[in-house]
Protein backbone atom coordinates (compact mmCIF):
# COMPACT_ATOMS: atom_id res chain seq x y z
CA UNK A 1 1.91 7.83 -3.50
CA UNK A 2 0.33 7.59 -6.90
CA UNK A 3 -3.30 6.69 -7.27
CA UNK A 4 -4.24 3.02 -7.07
CA UNK A 5 -4.73 1.54 -10.49
CA UNK A 6 -3.14 -0.48 -13.27
CA UNK A 7 0.59 0.11 -13.36
CA UNK A 8 2.83 -0.29 -16.39
CA UNK A 9 4.16 -3.81 -16.00
CA UNK A 10 7.75 -4.66 -16.78
CA UNK A 11 8.51 -7.06 -19.57
CA UNK A 12 9.67 -9.66 -17.04
CA UNK A 13 6.49 -9.60 -14.94
CA UNK A 14 4.37 -12.73 -14.68
CA UNK A 15 0.90 -12.86 -13.16
CA UNK A 16 1.14 -15.97 -11.01
CA UNK A 17 -2.31 -17.51 -10.31
CA UNK A 18 -2.99 -18.20 -6.65
CA UNK A 19 -4.47 -21.59 -5.66
CA UNK A 20 -7.46 -19.87 -4.04
CA UNK A 21 -9.06 -16.46 -3.79
CA UNK A 22 -7.97 -14.41 -0.78
CA UNK A 23 -10.42 -11.66 0.25
CA UNK A 24 -9.22 -8.91 2.54
CA UNK A 25 -10.65 -8.55 6.05
CA UNK A 26 -13.04 -5.95 4.55
CA UNK A 27 -14.32 -8.25 1.80
CA UNK A 28 -12.51 -6.27 -0.89
CA UNK A 29 -10.07 -6.42 -2.53
CA UNK A 30 -9.91 -10.12 -3.37
CA UNK A 31 -6.53 -11.43 -4.54
CA UNK A 32 -6.43 -14.20 -7.16
CA UNK A 33 -2.94 -13.70 -8.62
CA UNK A 34 0.46 -12.24 -7.74
CA UNK A 35 2.94 -10.35 -9.89
CA UNK A 36 6.29 -12.12 -9.59
CA UNK A 37 8.08 -8.77 -9.54
CA UNK A 38 7.20 -8.43 -5.84
CA UNK A 39 9.79 -11.15 -5.14
CA UNK A 40 12.51 -9.46 -7.22
CA UNK A 41 12.57 -5.73 -6.48
CA UNK A 42 14.07 -4.46 -3.22
CA UNK A 43 13.64 -1.27 -1.22
CA UNK A 44 14.77 0.46 1.97
CA UNK A 45 12.05 -0.95 4.20
CA UNK A 46 12.68 0.88 7.48
CA UNK A 47 11.14 4.18 6.40
CA UNK A 48 11.73 6.15 9.58
CA UNK A 49 15.43 5.21 9.55
CA UNK A 50 15.84 6.61 6.04
CA UNK A 51 17.93 9.77 5.89
CA UNK A 52 17.74 10.53 2.19
CA UNK A 53 14.12 10.44 0.92
CA UNK A 54 12.42 13.27 2.86
CA UNK A 55 9.15 11.31 2.58
CA UNK A 56 9.18 11.48 -1.21
CA UNK A 57 6.44 8.85 -1.43
CA UNK A 58 4.08 11.28 0.36
CA UNK A 59 4.35 13.87 -2.41
CA UNK A 60 1.05 13.16 -4.12
CA UNK A 61 -1.33 12.26 -1.31
CA UNK A 62 -2.99 8.87 -0.99
CA UNK A 63 -6.30 7.18 -1.82
CA UNK A 64 -8.28 6.61 1.37
CA UNK A 65 -10.88 3.85 1.05
CA UNK A 66 -14.36 4.61 2.33
CA UNK A 67 -14.01 2.24 5.30
CA UNK A 68 -11.14 4.35 6.60
CA UNK A 69 -12.84 7.63 5.71
CA UNK A 70 -15.56 6.57 8.14
CA UNK A 71 -13.03 5.59 10.78
CA UNK A 72 -11.17 8.89 10.47
CA UNK A 73 -14.43 10.80 10.71
CA UNK A 74 -15.16 9.09 14.03
CA UNK A 75 -11.92 10.58 15.39
CA UNK A 76 -12.28 13.89 13.54
CA UNK A 77 -12.35 16.26 16.52
CA UNK A 78 -9.29 14.80 18.24
CA UNK A 79 -7.43 14.38 14.94
CA UNK A 80 -8.11 18.03 14.07
CA UNK A 81 -6.73 19.08 17.45
CA UNK A 82 -3.66 16.85 17.06
CA UNK A 83 -2.79 17.87 13.49
CA UNK A 84 -4.08 21.43 13.40
CA UNK A 85 -5.78 20.57 10.11
CA UNK A 86 -9.56 21.12 9.91
CA UNK A 87 -11.44 18.15 8.47
CA UNK A 88 -12.59 20.22 5.50
CA UNK A 89 -8.97 20.30 4.28
CA UNK A 90 -8.32 16.57 4.56
CA UNK A 91 -9.68 15.32 1.24
CA UNK A 92 -10.20 16.46 -2.31
CA UNK A 93 -13.78 16.77 -3.47
CA UNK A 94 -15.45 13.73 -4.99
CA UNK A 95 -15.56 10.00 -4.41
CA UNK A 96 -13.97 7.58 -6.87
CA UNK A 97 -16.14 4.46 -7.00
CA UNK A 98 -14.10 1.27 -7.18
CA UNK A 99 -15.40 -2.19 -6.21
CA UNK A 100 -11.86 -3.32 -5.35
CA UNK A 101 -11.54 -0.74 -2.60
CA UNK A 102 -12.88 -1.42 0.91
CA UNK A 103 -16.25 0.28 1.15
CA UNK A 104 -16.58 0.43 -2.64
CA UNK A 105 -14.55 3.55 -3.32
CA UNK A 106 -12.07 6.13 -2.10
CA UNK A 107 -11.25 9.80 -1.72
CA UNK A 108 -7.83 11.37 -2.18
CA UNK A 109 -6.01 13.32 0.51
CA UNK A 110 -5.13 16.89 -0.34
CA UNK A 111 -1.57 18.01 -0.98
CA UNK A 112 -0.12 21.04 0.79
CA UNK A 113 3.38 22.38 0.20
CA UNK A 114 4.22 19.50 -2.10
CA UNK A 115 3.33 16.79 0.43
CA UNK A 116 0.25 14.92 1.64
CA UNK A 117 -1.66 17.13 4.08
CA UNK A 118 -1.11 14.50 6.80
CA UNK A 119 2.68 14.44 6.42
CA UNK A 120 4.37 15.75 9.57
CA UNK A 121 5.62 19.27 8.66
CA UNK A 122 7.87 19.38 11.73
CA UNK A 123 9.79 16.20 11.02
CA UNK A 124 9.16 12.87 9.35
CA UNK A 125 6.31 10.48 8.84
CA UNK A 126 2.53 10.40 8.86
CA UNK A 127 0.49 12.36 11.41
CA UNK A 128 -2.30 9.77 11.29
CA UNK A 129 0.19 7.05 12.19
CA UNK A 130 1.70 8.99 15.08
CA UNK A 131 -1.78 10.01 16.27
CA UNK A 132 -2.79 6.35 16.44
CA UNK A 133 0.37 5.25 18.24
CA UNK A 134 0.21 8.01 20.84
CA UNK A 135 -3.40 7.13 21.66
CA UNK A 136 -2.90 3.39 21.79
CA UNK A 137 -4.94 2.80 18.63
CA UNK A 138 -4.18 0.26 15.93
CA UNK A 139 -2.92 2.33 13.01
CA UNK A 140 -4.60 -0.12 10.61
CA UNK A 141 -7.94 1.22 11.80
CA UNK A 142 -7.10 4.74 10.60
CA UNK A 143 -4.59 4.40 7.76
CA UNK A 144 -5.94 3.18 4.40
CA UNK A 145 -5.01 -0.20 2.98
CA UNK A 146 -3.26 1.40 -0.03
CA UNK A 147 -0.96 3.28 2.33
CA UNK A 148 -0.06 0.28 4.46
CA UNK A 149 0.63 -2.01 1.49
CA UNK A 150 2.90 0.48 -0.31
CA UNK A 151 5.02 -0.13 -2.38
CA UNK A 152 2.68 -2.99 -3.30
CA UNK A 153 -0.86 -2.49 -4.51
CA UNK A 154 -3.69 -4.45 -6.12
CA UNK A 155 -5.33 -4.23 -9.51
CA UNK A 156 -7.81 -6.57 -11.13
CA UNK A 157 -7.32 -9.11 -8.35
CA UNK A 158 -3.53 -9.17 -8.75
CA UNK A 159 -1.12 -8.25 -5.98
CA UNK A 160 1.39 -6.13 -7.85
CA UNK A 161 3.92 -3.31 -7.71
CA UNK A 162 3.04 0.38 -7.62
CA UNK A 163 3.67 2.78 -10.47
CA UNK A 164 6.59 4.25 -8.51
CA UNK A 165 8.33 0.86 -8.59
CA UNK A 166 7.61 0.22 -12.26
CA UNK A 167 8.76 3.68 -13.32
CA UNK A 168 11.70 3.48 -10.89
CA UNK A 169 10.80 6.84 -9.38
CA UNK A 170 10.80 5.40 -5.84
CA UNK A 171 14.03 6.79 -4.46
CA UNK A 172 14.66 3.92 -2.02
CA UNK A 173 14.67 1.08 -4.58
CA UNK A 174 17.44 -1.53 -4.80
CA UNK A 175 18.47 -1.48 -1.12
CA UNK A 176 17.11 -3.81 1.56
CA UNK A 177 14.62 -6.70 1.55
CA UNK A 178 12.33 -7.55 -1.34
CA UNK A 179 9.02 -5.74 -1.69
CA UNK A 180 7.25 -8.88 -0.54
CA UNK A 181 9.37 -9.28 2.59
CA UNK A 182 8.93 -5.62 3.44
CA UNK A 183 5.12 -5.81 3.31
CA UNK A 184 4.70 -9.45 4.38
CA UNK A 185 3.28 -8.67 7.84
CA UNK A 186 0.80 -6.18 6.39
CA UNK A 187 -0.39 -8.76 3.86
CA UNK A 188 -0.97 -11.18 6.75
CA UNK A 189 -3.02 -8.56 8.61
CA UNK A 190 -5.26 -7.75 5.65
CA UNK A 191 -5.53 -11.10 3.87
CA UNK A 192 -4.69 -13.69 6.52
CA UNK A 193 -2.05 -16.28 7.23
CA UNK A 194 -3.19 -18.44 4.31
CA UNK A 195 -2.07 -15.86 1.76
CA UNK A 196 1.29 -15.40 3.46
CA UNK A 197 1.88 -19.15 3.58
CA UNK A 198 1.04 -19.37 -0.12
CA UNK A 199 3.34 -16.50 -1.03
CA UNK A 200 6.14 -17.90 1.11
CA UNK A 201 5.88 -21.15 -0.80
CA UNK A 202 5.85 -19.42 -4.18
CA UNK A 203 8.80 -17.28 -3.14
CA UNK A 204 10.77 -20.37 -2.13
CA UNK A 205 10.18 -21.95 -5.55
CA UNK A 206 11.92 -19.05 -7.27
CA UNK A 207 10.88 -17.01 -10.28
CA UNK A 208 12.11 -19.72 -12.66
CA UNK A 209 9.07 -21.81 -11.72
CA UNK A 210 6.54 -19.07 -12.47
CA UNK A 211 3.82 -20.16 -14.92
CA UNK A 212 4.55 -18.69 -18.31
CA UNK A 213 8.21 -17.95 -17.59
CA UNK A 214 10.83 -19.17 -20.01
CA UNK A 215 12.26 -21.65 -17.51
CA UNK A 216 9.04 -22.96 -16.02
CA UNK A 217 8.88 -26.70 -15.63
CA UNK A 218 7.00 -28.52 -18.38
């Protein structure tokens, strides 16, 4: 996954103001608008059923917010034993301060062999995710928000698409549900049922009703 940050928006994108601010369960980020492109683009949502990507989206590591850095540290000994990766090899040096990230910043996972250090080298998927499932833990407590929302992200209060979607480098684009439908449950977990209800309503109105679009009602 690319780093979290402003992505090059397509010419058709519209920032659709939300009727209220929706803070995440951690206090940050706070969503105040949505990019209408999340209702248009599609992707192969069932990642572990994919037979053609070889976890391409794990090629660059991921930004781990400081809330989840703390949570991972609490499980460090058992996670080291499970993955075979010493904690000193988990993250790159340095903290990127960012008020939109839970905990006020993030660190980046290291890359080894062209993949995130936590990518399962013996098969598919994320070792943190499988570690959580095998121990009866909620994976949300260990995996960062950026990871779980992919291929959506947030920037400047707007729920938007990732760089991989905008640049069309995400190999699984154009097949399956919309980006919104694929991440809908995760949005409910992080931001609550109120956001999902709002987005469902906006989705049902269609892109033609987006403020600022050429066919918006006047």
